[in-house]
């Protein structure tokens, strides 16, 4: 069961990117999750949570600076559903950072999404 949807935005400068997107979309000021991740919600509860994540590289080729995080009750069940629907699993083992655990997957056209264990 999906519990929450996040849009993750890669940033080389957390402050400027989060200020831009929260200001443009009317979101509340972002709160740090740790030193690499900040998250913001809309004051009226509209839209998904925005998660700004620090990266060292600029987008290039097929790498997109945006992706969707789907928070679920059971990561492995949903990863299997991704595969059944024509997507694929990218990570052999789950990744744990900033208090969350997830597996990166891709849709049938190679766009990345993260299946995140709901807290």
PDB file of N, CA and C in Angstrom:
ATOM      1  N   UNK A   1       0.841  -1.187   0.000  1.00  0.00           N
ATOM      2  CA  UNK A   1       0.000   0.000   0.000  1.00  0.00           C
ATOM      3  C   UNK A   1       0.885   1.249   0.000  1.00  0.00           C
ATOM      4  N   UNK A   2       0.627   2.169  -0.887  1.00  0.00           N
ATOM      5  CA  UNK A   2       1.390   3.417  -0.950  1.00  0.00           C
ATOM      6  C   UNK A   2       0.914   4.350   0.154  1.00  0.00           C
ATOM      7  N   UNK A   3       1.868   4.875   0.916  1.00  0.00           N
ATOM      8  CA  UNK A   3       1.542   5.764   2.022  1.00  0.00           C
ATOM      9  C   UNK A   3       1.865   7.221   1.727  1.00  0.00           C
ATOM     10  N   UNK A   4       2.823   7.472   0.830  1.00  0.00           N
ATOM     11  CA  UNK A   4       3.250   8.837   0.561  1.00  0.00           C
ATOM     12  C   UNK A   4       4.014   8.851  -0.750  1.00  0.00           C
ATOM     13  N   UNK A   5       3.962   9.986  -1.452  1.00  0.00           N
ATOM     14  CA  UNK A   5       4.735  10.167  -2.667  1.00  0.00           C
ATOM     15  C   UNK A   5       5.608  11.400  -2.492  1.00  0.00           C
ATOM     16  N   UNK A   6       6.883  11.265  -2.815  1.00  0.00           N
ATOM     17  CA  UNK A   6       7.830  12.375  -2.791  1.00  0.00           C
ATOM     18  C   UNK A   6       8.334  12.622  -4.199  1.00  0.00           C
ATOM     19  N   UNK A   7       8.627  13.875  -4.506  1.00  0.00           N
ATOM     20  CA  UNK A   7       9.382  14.210  -5.699  1.00  0.00           C
ATOM     21  C   UNK A   7      10.761  14.605  -5.214  1.00  0.00           C
ATOM     22  N   UNK A   8      11.781  13.851  -5.617  1.00  0.00           N
ATOM     23  CA  UNK A   8      13.155  14.109  -5.199  1.00  0.00           C
ATOM     24  C   UNK A   8      13.844  14.961  -6.260  1.00  0.00           C
ATOM     25  N   UNK A   9      14.544  15.992  -5.808  1.00  0.00           N
ATOM     26  CA  UNK A   9      15.210  16.933  -6.704  1.00  0.00           C
ATOM     27  C   UNK A   9      16.695  16.966  -6.368  1.00  0.00           C
ATOM     28  N   UNK A  10      17.525  16.578  -7.331  1.00  0.00           N
ATOM     29  CA  UNK A  10      18.975  16.626  -7.147  1.00  0.00           C
ATOM     30  C   UNK A  10      19.429  18.081  -7.127  1.00  0.00           C
ATOM     31  N   UNK A  11      20.326  18.418  -6.209  1.00  0.00           N
ATOM     32  CA  UNK A  11      20.809  19.796  -6.060  1.00  0.00           C
ATOM     33  C   UNK A  11      22.303  19.806  -5.805  1.00  0.00           C
ATOM     34  N   UNK A  12      22.967  20.765  -6.391  1.00  0.00           N
ATOM     35  CA  UNK A  12      24.347  21.026  -6.015  1.00  0.00           C
ATOM     36  C   UNK A  12      24.374  22.115  -4.954  1.00  0.00           C
ATOM     37  N   UNK A  13      23.300  22.926  -4.869  1.00  0.00           N
ATOM     38  CA  UNK A  13      23.176  23.984  -3.866  1.00  0.00           C
ATOM     39  C   UNK A  13      21.793  23.876  -3.229  1.00  0.00           C
ATOM     40  N   UNK A  14      21.730  23.200  -2.073  1.00  0.00           N
ATOM     41  CA  UNK A  14      20.444  22.968  -1.396  1.00  0.00           C
ATOM     42  C   UNK A  14      19.682  24.259  -1.148  1.00  0.00           C
ATOM     43  N   UNK A  15      20.358  25.277  -0.653  1.00  0.00           N
ATOM     44  CA  UNK A  15      19.679  26.521  -0.280  1.00  0.00           C
ATOM     45  C   UNK A  15      19.023  27.191  -1.485  1.00  0.00           C
ATOM     46  N   UNK A  16      19.747  27.342  -2.574  1.00  0.00           N
ATOM     47  CA  UNK A  16      19.162  28.050  -3.716  1.00  0.00           C
ATOM     48  C   UNK A  16      18.080  27.231  -4.401  1.00  0.00           C
ATOM     49  N   UNK A  17      18.300  25.928  -4.556  1.00  0.00           N
ATOM     50  CA  UNK A  17      17.290  25.097  -5.216  1.00  0.00           C
ATOM     51  C   UNK A  17      16.026  24.965  -4.384  1.00  0.00           C
ATOM     52  N   UNK A  18      16.177  24.748  -3.080  1.00  0.00           N
ATOM     53  CA  UNK A  18      14.980  24.612  -2.251  1.00  0.00           C
ATOM     54  C   UNK A  18      14.231  25.932  -2.165  1.00  0.00           C
ATOM     55  N   UNK A  19      14.951  27.045  -2.109  1.00  0.00           N
ATOM     56  CA  UNK A  19      14.307  28.359  -2.080  1.00  0.00           C
ATOM     57  C   UNK A  19      13.524  28.607  -3.371  1.00  0.00           C
ATOM     58  N   UNK A  20      14.129  28.263  -4.501  1.00  0.00           N
ATOM     59  CA  UNK A  20      13.465  28.446  -5.785  1.00  0.00           C
ATOM     60  C   UNK A  20      12.170  27.633  -5.855  1.00  0.00           C
ATOM     61  N   UNK A  21      12.284  26.312  -5.641  1.00  0.00           N
ATOM     62  CA  UNK A  21      11.124  25.441  -5.831  1.00  0.00           C
ATOM     63  C   UNK A  21      10.032  25.657  -4.795  1.00  0.00           C
ATOM     64  N   UNK A  22      10.400  25.871  -3.522  1.00  0.00           N
ATOM     65  CA  UNK A  22       9.357  26.110  -2.515  1.00  0.00           C
ATOM     66  C   UNK A  22       8.672  27.443  -2.768  1.00  0.00           C
ATOM     67  N   UNK A  23       9.445  28.447  -3.177  1.00  0.00           N
ATOM     68  CA  UNK A  23       8.849  29.746  -3.491  1.00  0.00           C
ATOM     69  C   UNK A  23       7.929  29.680  -4.693  1.00  0.00           C
ATOM     70  N   UNK A  24       8.362  28.998  -5.740  1.00  0.00           N
ATOM     71  CA  UNK A  24       7.567  28.884  -6.954  1.00  0.00           C
ATOM     72  C   UNK A  24       6.273  28.123  -6.715  1.00  0.00           C
ATOM     73  N   UNK A  25       6.348  27.039  -5.958  1.00  0.00           N
ATOM     74  CA  UNK A  25       5.196  26.149  -5.777  1.00  0.00           C
ATOM     75  C   UNK A  25       4.379  26.426  -4.517  1.00  0.00           C
ATOM     76  N   UNK A  26       4.791  27.404  -3.699  1.00  0.00           N
ATOM     77  CA  UNK A  26       4.042  27.741  -2.491  1.00  0.00           C
ATOM     78  C   UNK A  26       4.195  26.743  -1.365  1.00  0.00           C
ATOM     79  N   UNK A  27       5.348  26.093  -1.304  1.00  0.00           N
ATOM     80  CA  UNK A  27       5.617  25.133  -0.242  1.00  0.00           C
ATOM     81  C   UNK A  27       6.213  25.839   0.971  1.00  0.00           C
ATOM     82  N   UNK A  28       6.095  25.195   2.135  1.00  0.00           N
ATOM     83  CA  UNK A  28       6.713  25.706   3.354  1.00  0.00           C
ATOM     84  C   UNK A  28       8.227  25.610   3.233  1.00  0.00           C
ATOM     85  N   UNK A  29       8.921  26.354   4.079  1.00  0.00           N
ATOM     86  CA  UNK A  29      10.380  26.299   4.126  1.00  0.00           C
ATOM     87  C   UNK A  29      10.820  24.856   4.393  1.00  0.00           C
ATOM     88  N   UNK A  30      11.842  24.377   3.691  1.00  0.00           N
ATOM     89  CA  UNK A  30      12.280  22.997   3.894  1.00  0.00           C
ATOM     90  C   UNK A  30      12.943  22.795   5.254  1.00  0.00           C
ATOM     91  N   UNK A  31      12.795  21.585   5.761  1.00  0.00           N
ATOM     92  CA  UNK A  31      13.408  21.176   7.028  1.00  0.00           C
ATOM     93  C   UNK A  31      14.512  20.173   6.725  1.00  0.00           C
ATOM     94  N   UNK A  32      15.665  20.302   7.379  1.00  0.00           N
ATOM     95  CA  UNK A  32      16.735  19.329   7.156  1.00  0.00           C
ATOM     96  C   UNK A  32      16.350  17.934   7.642  1.00  0.00           C
ATOM     97  N   UNK A  33      16.653  16.936   6.827  1.00  0.00           N
ATOM     98  CA  UNK A  33      16.521  15.546   7.238  1.00  0.00           C
ATOM     99  C   UNK A  33      17.871  15.094   7.792  1.00  0.00           C
ATOM    100  N   UNK A  34      18.929  15.601   7.177  1.00  0.00           N
ATOM    101  CA  UNK A  34      20.312  15.457   7.614  1.00  0.00           C
ATOM    102  C   UNK A  34      21.112  16.468   6.809  1.00  0.00           C
ATOM    103  N   UNK A  35      22.429  16.323   6.721  1.00  0.00           N
ATOM    104  CA  UNK A  35      23.223  17.338   6.019  1.00  0.00           C
ATOM    105  C   UNK A  35      23.142  17.238   4.497  1.00  0.00           C
ATOM    106  N   UNK A  36      22.575  16.171   3.950  1.00  0.00           N
ATOM    107  CA  UNK A  36      22.457  16.000   2.492  1.00  0.00           C
ATOM    108  C   UNK A  36      21.038  16.110   1.960  1.00  0.00           C
ATOM    109  N   UNK A  37      20.045  16.021   2.828  1.00  0.00           N
ATOM    110  CA  UNK A  37      18.652  15.970   2.397  1.00  0.00           C
ATOM    111  C   UNK A  37      17.806  16.983   3.167  1.00  0.00           C
ATOM    112  N   UNK A  38      16.976  17.744   2.454  1.00  0.00           N
ATOM    113  CA  UNK A  38      15.993  18.635   3.058  1.00  0.00           C
ATOM    114  C   UNK A  38      14.637  18.272   2.465  1.00  0.00           C
ATOM    115  N   UNK A  39      13.563  18.438   3.243  1.00  0.00           N
ATOM    116  CA  UNK A  39      12.225  18.109   2.759  1.00  0.00           C
ATOM    117  C   UNK A  39      11.264  19.253   3.028  1.00  0.00           C
ATOM    118  N   UNK A  40      10.312  19.436   2.109  1.00  0.00           N
ATOM    119  CA  UNK A  40       9.317  20.505   2.245  1.00  0.00           C
ATOM    120  C   UNK A  40       7.944  19.970   1.880  1.00  0.00           C
ATOM    121  N   UNK A  41       6.948  20.446   2.605  1.00  0.00           N
ATOM    122  CA  UNK A  41       5.557  20.105   2.310  1.00  0.00           C
ATOM    123  C   UNK A  41       4.794  21.385   1.981  1.00  0.00           C
ATOM    124  N   UNK A  42       3.683  21.224   1.318  1.00  0.00           N
ATOM    125  CA  UNK A  42       2.846  22.361   0.970  1.00  0.00           C
ATOM    126  C   UNK A  42       2.000  22.733   2.182  1.00  0.00           C
ATOM    127  N   UNK A  43       1.879  24.027   2.466  1.00  0.00           N
ATOM    128  CA  UNK A  43       1.158  24.487   3.657  1.00  0.00           C
ATOM    129  C   UNK A  43      -0.305  24.048   3.661  1.00  0.00           C
ATOM    130  N   UNK A  44      -0.902  23.837   2.492  1.00  0.00           N
ATOM    131  CA  UNK A  44      -2.292  23.391   2.413  1.00  0.00           C
ATOM    132  C   UNK A  44      -2.419  21.889   2.193  1.00  0.00           C
ATOM    133  N   UNK A  45      -1.278  21.196   2.218  1.00  0.00           N
ATOM    134  CA  UNK A  45      -1.293  19.751   2.009  1.00  0.00           C
ATOM    135  C   UNK A  45      -1.432  19.359   0.547  1.00  0.00           C
ATOM    136  N   UNK A  46      -1.307  20.325  -0.358  1.00  0.00           N
ATOM    137  CA  UNK A  46      -1.429  20.045  -1.790  1.00  0.00           C
ATOM    138  C   UNK A  46      -0.118  19.479  -2.321  1.00  0.00           C
ATOM    139  N   UNK A  47      -0.212  18.489  -3.160  1.00  0.00           N
ATOM    140  CA  UNK A  47       0.968  17.961  -3.826  1.00  0.00           C
ATOM    141  C   UNK A  47       1.820  17.054  -2.965  1.00  0.00           C
ATOM    142  N   UNK A  48       2.801  16.430  -3.600  1.00  0.00           N
ATOM    143  CA  UNK A  48       3.709  15.529  -2.884  1.00  0.00           C
ATOM    144  C   UNK A  48       4.734  16.315  -2.072  1.00  0.00           C
ATOM    145  N   UNK A  49       5.393  15.632  -1.158  1.00  0.00           N
ATOM    146  CA  UNK A  49       6.509  16.235  -0.432  1.00  0.00           C
ATOM    147  C   UNK A  49       7.659  16.403  -1.418  1.00  0.00           C
ATOM    148  N   UNK A  50       8.388  17.519  -1.312  1.00  0.00           N
ATOM    149  CA  UNK A  50       9.581  17.744  -2.114  1.00  0.00           C
ATOM    150  C   UNK A  50      10.792  17.388  -1.267  1.00  0.00           C
ATOM    151  N   UNK A  51      11.659  16.552  -1.797  1.00  0.00           N
ATOM    152  CA  UNK A  51      12.891  16.179  -1.106  1.00  0.00           C
ATOM    153  C   UNK A  51      14.058  16.669  -1.951  1.00  0.00           C
ATOM    154  N   UNK A  52      14.853  17.553  -1.379  1.00  0.00           N
ATOM    155  CA  UNK A  52      16.021  18.105  -2.052  1.00  0.00           C
ATOM    156  C   UNK A  52      17.230  17.314  -1.576  1.00  0.00           C
ATOM    157  N   UNK A  53      17.995  16.751  -2.513  1.00  0.00           N
ATOM    158  CA  UNK A  53      19.123  15.914  -2.137  1.00  0.00           C
ATOM    159  C   UNK A  53      20.391  16.429  -2.802  1.00  0.00           C
ATOM    160  N   UNK A  54      21.450  16.517  -2.010  1.00  0.00           N
ATOM    161  CA  UNK A  54      22.731  17.003  -2.499  1.00  0.00           C
ATOM    162  C   UNK A  54      23.386  15.965  -3.395  1.00  0.00           C
ATOM    163  N   UNK A  55      23.832  16.418  -4.570  1.00  0.00           N
ATOM    164  CA  UNK A  55      24.607  15.572  -5.481  1.00  0.00           C
ATOM    165  C   UNK A  55      25.830  16.360  -5.936  1.00  0.00           C
ATOM    166  N   UNK A  56      26.847  15.646  -6.357  1.00  0.00           N
ATOM    167  CA  UNK A  56      28.070  16.297  -6.825  1.00  0.00           C
ATOM    168  C   UNK A  56      28.086  16.529  -8.324  1.00  0.00           C
ATOM    169  N   UNK A  57      27.238  15.793  -9.043  1.00  0.00           N
ATOM    170  CA  UNK A  57      27.295  15.872 -10.500  1.00  0.00           C
ATOM    171  C   UNK A  57      26.086  16.595 -11.080  1.00  0.00           C
ATOM    172  N   UNK A  58      26.295  17.240 -12.208  1.00  0.00           N
ATOM    173  CA  UNK A  58      25.207  17.891 -12.941  1.00  0.00           C
ATOM    174  C   UNK A  58      24.485  16.829 -13.773  1.00  0.00           C
ATOM    175  N   UNK A  59      23.204  17.046 -14.070  1.00  0.00           N
ATOM    176  CA  UNK A  59      22.494  16.098 -14.932  1.00  0.00           C
ATOM    177  C   UNK A  59      23.195  15.985 -16.284  1.00  0.00           C
ATOM    178  N   UNK A  60      23.282  14.766 -16.785  1.00  0.00           N
ATOM    179  CA  UNK A  60      23.876  14.563 -18.103  1.00  0.00           C
ATOM    180  C   UNK A  60      23.296  13.310 -18.723  1.00  0.00           C
ATOM    181  N   UNK A  61      23.230  13.286 -20.027  1.00  0.00           N
ATOM    182  CA  UNK A  61      22.718  12.107 -20.713  1.00  0.00           C
ATOM    183  C   UNK A  61      21.323  11.759 -20.263  1.00  0.00           C
ATOM    184  N   UNK A  62      21.143  10.541 -19.805  1.00  0.00           N
ATOM    185  CA  UNK A  62      19.815  10.077 -19.393  1.00  0.00           C
ATOM    186  C   UNK A  62      19.536  10.331 -17.912  1.00  0.00           C
ATOM    187  N   UNK A  63      20.503  10.896 -17.175  1.00  0.00           N
ATOM    188  CA  UNK A  63      20.292  11.148 -15.750  1.00  0.00           C
ATOM    189  C   UNK A  63      19.408  12.377 -15.572  1.00  0.00           C
ATOM    190  N   UNK A  64      18.297  12.193 -14.895  1.00  0.00           N
ATOM    191  CA  UNK A  64      17.368  13.297 -14.649  1.00  0.00           C
ATOM    192  C   UNK A  64      17.573  13.827 -13.238  1.00  0.00           C
ATOM    193  N   UNK A  65      17.443  15.145 -13.046  1.00  0.00           N
ATOM    194  CA  UNK A  65      17.582  15.694 -11.704  1.00  0.00           C
ATOM    195  C   UNK A  65      16.318  15.530 -10.859  1.00  0.00           C
ATOM    196  N   UNK A  66      15.254  14.947 -11.406  1.00  0.00           N
ATOM    197  CA  UNK A  66      14.006  14.730 -10.684  1.00  0.00           C
ATOM    198  C   UNK A  66      13.634  13.255 -10.743  1.00  0.00           C
ATOM    199  N   UNK A  67      13.062  12.740  -9.662  1.00  0.00           N
ATOM    200  CA  UNK A  67      12.483  11.408  -9.693  1.00  0.00           C
ATOM    201  C   UNK A  67      11.423  11.301  -8.599  1.00  0.00           C
ATOM    202  N   UNK A  68      10.604  10.275  -8.682  1.00  0.00           N
ATOM    203  CA  UNK A  68       9.522  10.059  -7.715  1.00  0.00           C
ATOM    204  C   UNK A  68       9.964   9.021  -6.701  1.00  0.00           C
ATOM    205  N   UNK A  69       9.689   9.298  -5.417  1.00  0.00           N
ATOM    206  CA  UNK A  69       9.862   8.331  -4.336  1.00  0.00           C
ATOM    207  C   UNK A  69       8.473   7.856  -3.926  1.00  0.00           C
ATOM    208  N   UNK A  70       8.275   6.554  -3.899  1.00  0.00           N
ATOM    209  CA  UNK A  70       7.000   5.968  -3.496  1.00  0.00           C
ATOM    210  C   UNK A  70       7.219   5.276  -2.162  1.00  0.00           C
ATOM    211  N   UNK A  71       6.568   5.762  -1.102  1.00  0.00           N
ATOM    212  CA  UNK A  71       6.704   5.188   0.236  1.00  0.00           C
ATOM    213  C   UNK A  71       5.659   4.095   0.407  1.00  0.00           C
ATOM    214  N   UNK A  72       6.119   2.907   0.780  1.00  0.00           N
ATOM    215  CA  UNK A  72       5.252   1.731   0.799  1.00  0.00           C
ATOM    216  C   UNK A  72       5.439   0.937   2.088  1.00  0.00           C
ATOM    217  N   UNK A  73       4.490   0.029   2.330  1.00  0.00           N
ATOM    218  CA  UNK A  73       4.568  -0.834   3.501  1.00  0.00           C
ATOM    219  C   UNK A  73       5.619  -1.933   3.335  1.00  0.00           C
ATOM    220  N   UNK A  74       5.767  -2.445   2.108  1.00  0.00           N
ATOM    221  CA  UNK A  74       6.674  -3.558   1.862  1.00  0.00           C
ATOM    222  C   UNK A  74       7.458  -3.300   0.575  1.00  0.00           C
ATOM    223  N   UNK A  75       8.715  -2.925   0.704  1.00  0.00           N
ATOM    224  CA  UNK A  75       9.551  -2.565  -0.444  1.00  0.00           C
ATOM    225  C   UNK A  75       9.652  -3.713  -1.446  1.00  0.00           C
ATOM    226  N   UNK A  76       9.968  -4.901  -0.987  1.00  0.00           N
ATOM    227  CA  UNK A  76      10.195  -6.023  -1.910  1.00  0.00           C
ATOM    228  C   UNK A  76       8.945  -6.370  -2.702  1.00  0.00           C
ATOM    229  N   UNK A  77       7.762  -6.304  -2.077  1.00  0.00           N
ATOM    230  CA  UNK A  77       6.521  -6.575  -2.812  1.00  0.00           C
ATOM    231  C   UNK A  77       6.311  -5.556  -3.921  1.00  0.00           C
ATOM    232  N   UNK A  78       6.559  -4.290  -3.629  1.00  0.00           N
ATOM    233  CA  UNK A  78       6.348  -3.252  -4.632  1.00  0.00           C
ATOM    234  C   UNK A  78       7.420  -3.315  -5.721  1.00  0.00           C
ATOM    235  N   UNK A  79       8.652  -3.665  -5.366  1.00  0.00           N
ATOM    236  CA  UNK A  79       9.694  -3.842  -6.383  1.00  0.00           C
ATOM    237  C   UNK A  79       9.287  -4.968  -7.333  1.00  0.00           C
ATOM    238  N   UNK A  80       8.743  -6.042  -6.806  1.00  0.00           N
ATOM    239  CA  UNK A  80       8.263  -7.131  -7.659  1.00  0.00           C
ATOM    240  C   UNK A  80       7.149  -6.642  -8.579  1.00  0.00           C
ATOM    241  N   UNK A  81       6.269  -5.775  -8.079  1.00  0.00           N
ATOM    242  CA  UNK A  81       5.191  -5.200  -8.893  1.00  0.00           C
ATOM    243  C   UNK A  81       5.782  -4.328 -10.003  1.00  0.00           C
ATOM    244  N   UNK A  82       6.819  -3.554  -9.687  1.00  0.00           N
ATOM    245  CA  UNK A  82       7.504  -2.739 -10.704  1.00  0.00           C
ATOM    246  C   UNK A  82       7.978  -3.641 -11.846  1.00  0.00           C
ATOM    247  N   UNK A  83       8.590  -4.761 -11.491  1.00  0.00           N
ATOM    248  CA  UNK A  83       9.115  -5.698 -12.493  1.00  0.00           C
ATOM    249  C   UNK A  83       7.974  -6.309 -13.308  1.00  0.00           C
ATOM    250  N   UNK A  84       6.882  -6.708 -12.625  1.00  0.00           N
ATOM    251  CA  UNK A  84       5.714  -7.268 -13.315  1.00  0.00           C
ATOM    252  C   UNK A  84       5.139  -6.285 -14.330  1.00  0.00           C
ATOM    253  N   UNK A  85       5.207  -4.995 -14.025  1.00  0.00           N
ATOM    254  CA  UNK A  85       4.641  -3.966 -14.898  1.00  0.00           C
ATOM    255  C   UNK A  85       5.596  -3.529 -16.007  1.00  0.00           C
ATOM    256  N   UNK A  86       6.779  -4.155 -16.078  1.00  0.00           N
ATOM    257  CA  UNK A  86       7.709  -3.856 -17.158  1.00  0.00           C
ATOM    258  C   UNK A  86       8.893  -3.004 -16.767  1.00  0.00           C
ATOM    259  N   UNK A  87       8.998  -2.641 -15.488  1.00  0.00           N
ATOM    260  CA  UNK A  87      10.139  -1.883 -15.006  1.00  0.00           C
ATOM    261  C   UNK A  87      11.259  -2.818 -14.609  1.00  0.00           C
ATOM    262  N   UNK A  88      12.282  -2.272 -13.984  1.00  0.00           N
ATOM    263  CA  UNK A  88      13.389  -3.110 -13.537  1.00  0.00           C
ATOM    264  C   UNK A  88      13.968  -2.593 -12.228  1.00  0.00           C
ATOM    265  N   UNK A  89      14.646  -3.484 -11.563  1.00  0.00           N
ATOM    266  CA  UNK A  89      15.330  -3.155 -10.313  1.00  0.00           C
ATOM    267  C   UNK A  89      16.748  -2.715 -10.645  1.00  0.00           C
ATOM    268  N   UNK A  90      17.190  -1.602 -10.074  1.00  0.00           N
ATOM    269  CA  UNK A  90      18.543  -1.112 -10.310  1.00  0.00           C
ATOM    270  C   UNK A  90      19.495  -1.627  -9.238  1.00  0.00           C
ATOM    271  N   UNK A  91      19.102  -1.518  -7.980  1.00  0.00           N
ATOM    272  CA  UNK A  91      19.973  -1.893  -6.860  1.00  0.00           C
ATOM    273  C   UNK A  91      19.735  -3.341  -6.438  1.00  0.00           C
ATOM    274  N   UNK A  92      20.818  -4.104  -6.325  1.00  0.00           N
ATOM    275  CA  UNK A  92      20.701  -5.470  -5.817  1.00  0.00           C
ATOM    276  C   UNK A  92      20.309  -5.456  -4.347  1.00  0.00           C
ATOM    277  N   UNK A  93      20.910  -4.538  -3.584  1.00  0.00           N
ATOM    278  CA  UNK A  93      20.639  -4.431  -2.157  1.00  0.00           C
ATOM    279  C   UNK A  93      20.029  -3.068  -1.847  1.00  0.00           C
ATOM    280  N   UNK A  94      19.149  -2.995  -0.842  1.00  0.00           N
ATOM    281  CA  UNK A  94      18.573  -1.706  -0.453  1.00  0.00           C
ATOM    282  C   UNK A  94      19.652  -0.719   0.006  1.00  0.00           C
ATOM    283  N   UNK A  95      19.357   0.559  -0.159  1.00  0.00           N
ATOM    284  CA  UNK A  95      20.221   1.652   0.285  1.00  0.00           C
ATOM    285  C   UNK A  95      19.594   2.249   1.539  1.00  0.00           C
ATOM    286  N   UNK A  96      20.413   2.562   2.550  1.00  0.00           N
ATOM    287  CA  UNK A  96      19.919   3.215   3.756  1.00  0.00           C
ATOM    288  C   UNK A  96      20.708   4.492   3.974  1.00  0.00           C
ATOM    289  N   UNK A  97      19.997   5.638   3.997  1.00  0.00           N
ATOM    290  CA  UNK A  97      20.568   6.959   4.263  1.00  0.00           C
ATOM    291  C   UNK A  97      19.479   7.831   4.859  1.00  0.00           C
ATOM    292  N   UNK A  98      19.877   8.811   5.644  1.00  0.00           N
ATOM    293  CA  UNK A  98      18.959   9.821   6.190  1.00  0.00           C
ATOM    294  C   UNK A  98      17.752   9.195   6.890  1.00  0.00           C
ATOM    295  N   UNK A  99      17.956   8.048   7.522  1.00  0.00           N
ATOM    296  CA  UNK A  99      16.874   7.405   8.267  1.00  0.00           C
ATOM    297  C   UNK A  99      15.862   6.663   7.418  1.00  0.00           C
ATOM    298  N   UNK A 100      16.128   6.497   6.131  1.00  0.00           N
ATOM    299  CA  UNK A 100      15.214   5.795   5.233  1.00  0.00           C
ATOM    300  C   UNK A 100      15.953   4.674   4.508  1.00  0.00           C
ATOM    301  N   UNK A 101      15.188   3.685   4.061  1.00  0.00           N
ATOM    302  CA  UNK A 101      15.726   2.580   3.283  1.00  0.00           C
ATOM    303  C   UNK A 101      14.922   2.477   1.997  1.00  0.00           C
ATOM    304  N   UNK A 102      15.632   2.318   0.859  1.00  0.00           N
ATOM    305  CA  UNK A 102      14.943   2.263  -0.418  1.00  0.00           C
ATOM    306  C   UNK A 102      15.710   1.416  -1.418  1.00  0.00           C
ATOM    307  N   UNK A 103      15.005   1.091  -2.511  1.00  0.00           N
ATOM    308  CA  UNK A 103      15.584   0.411  -3.660  1.00  0.00           C
ATOM    309  C   UNK A 103      15.269   1.267  -4.880  1.00  0.00           C
ATOM    310  N   UNK A 104      16.322   1.552  -5.684  1.00  0.00           N
ATOM    311  CA  UNK A 104      16.109   2.289  -6.928  1.00  0.00           C
ATOM    312  C   UNK A 104      15.638   1.320  -8.002  1.00  0.00           C
ATOM    313  N   UNK A 105      14.630   1.765  -8.751  1.00  0.00           N
ATOM    314  CA  UNK A 105      14.083   0.999  -9.859  1.00  0.00           C
ATOM    315  C   UNK A 105      13.971   1.928 -11.057  1.00  0.00           C
ATOM    316  N   UNK A 106      13.588   1.352 -12.193  1.00  0.00           N
ATOM    317  CA  UNK A 106      13.309   2.191 -13.354  1.00  0.00           C
ATOM    318  C   UNK A 106      12.024   1.733 -14.007  1.00  0.00           C
ATOM    319  N   UNK A 107      11.357   2.689 -14.652  1.00  0.00           N
ATOM    320  CA  UNK A 107      10.144   2.357 -15.388  1.00  0.00           C
ATOM    321  C   UNK A 107      10.548   1.747 -16.736  1.00  0.00           C
ATOM    322  N   UNK A 108       9.581   1.353 -17.577  1.00  0.00           N
ATOM    323  CA  UNK A 108       9.937   0.708 -18.836  1.00  0.00           C
ATOM    324  C   UNK A 108      10.815   1.554 -19.763  1.00  0.00           C
ATOM    325  N   UNK A 109      10.829   2.885 -19.595  1.00  0.00           N
ATOM    326  CA  UNK A 109      11.659   3.747 -20.445  1.00  0.00           C
ATOM    327  C   UNK A 109      12.954   4.173 -19.764  1.00  0.00           C
ATOM    328  N   UNK A 110      13.244   3.614 -18.588  1.00  0.00           N
ATOM    329  CA  UNK A 110      14.506   3.887 -17.911  1.00  0.00           C
ATOM    330  C   UNK A 110      14.483   5.038 -16.923  1.00  0.00           C
ATOM    331  N   UNK A 111      13.315   5.641 -16.684  1.00  0.00           N
ATOM    332  CA  UNK A 111      13.215   6.724 -15.698  1.00  0.00           C
ATOM    333  C   UNK A 111      13.290   6.145 -14.289  1.00  0.00           C
ATOM    334  N   UNK A 112      14.083   6.760 -13.441  1.00  0.00           N
ATOM    335  CA  UNK A 112      14.324   6.246 -12.091  1.00  0.00           C
ATOM    336  C   UNK A 112      13.176   6.591 -11.151  1.00  0.00           C
ATOM    337  N   UNK A 113      12.851   5.649 -10.276  1.00  0.00           N
ATOM    338  CA  UNK A 113      11.959   5.874  -9.145  1.00  0.00           C
ATOM    339  C   UNK A 113      12.547   5.122  -7.969  1.00  0.00           C
ATOM    340  N   UNK A 114      12.244   5.578  -6.761  1.00  0.00           N
ATOM    341  CA  UNK A 114      12.717   4.894  -5.564  1.00  0.00           C
ATOM    342  C   UNK A 114      11.523   4.331  -4.807  1.00  0.00           C
ATOM    343  N   UNK A 115      11.629   3.073  -4.434  1.00  0.00           N
ATOM    344  CA  UNK A 115      10.620   2.416  -3.602  1.00  0.00           C
ATOM    345  C   UNK A 115      11.172   2.453  -2.185  1.00  0.00           C
ATOM    346  N   UNK A 116      10.505   3.239  -1.317  1.00  0.00           N
ATOM    347  CA  UNK A 116      11.024   3.572   0.017  1.00  0.00           C
ATOM    348  C   UNK A 116      10.183   2.883   1.081  1.00  0.00           C
ATOM    349  N   UNK A 117      10.869   2.291   2.079  1.00  0.00           N
ATOM    350  CA  UNK A 117      10.174   1.683   3.202  1.00  0.00           C
ATOM    351  C   UNK A 117       9.519   2.773   4.032  1.00  0.00           C
ATOM    352  N   UNK A 118       8.191   2.722   4.180  1.00  0.00           N
ATOM    353  CA  UNK A 118       7.462   3.711   4.977  1.00  0.00           C
ATOM    354  C   UNK A 118       7.859   3.580   6.433  1.00  0.00           C
ATOM    355  N   UNK A 119       7.929   4.718   7.097  1.00  0.00           N
ATOM    356  CA  UNK A 119       8.293   4.711   8.517  1.00  0.00           C
ATOM    357  C   UNK A 119       7.092   4.675   9.396  1.00  0.00           C
TER     358      UNK A 119
END
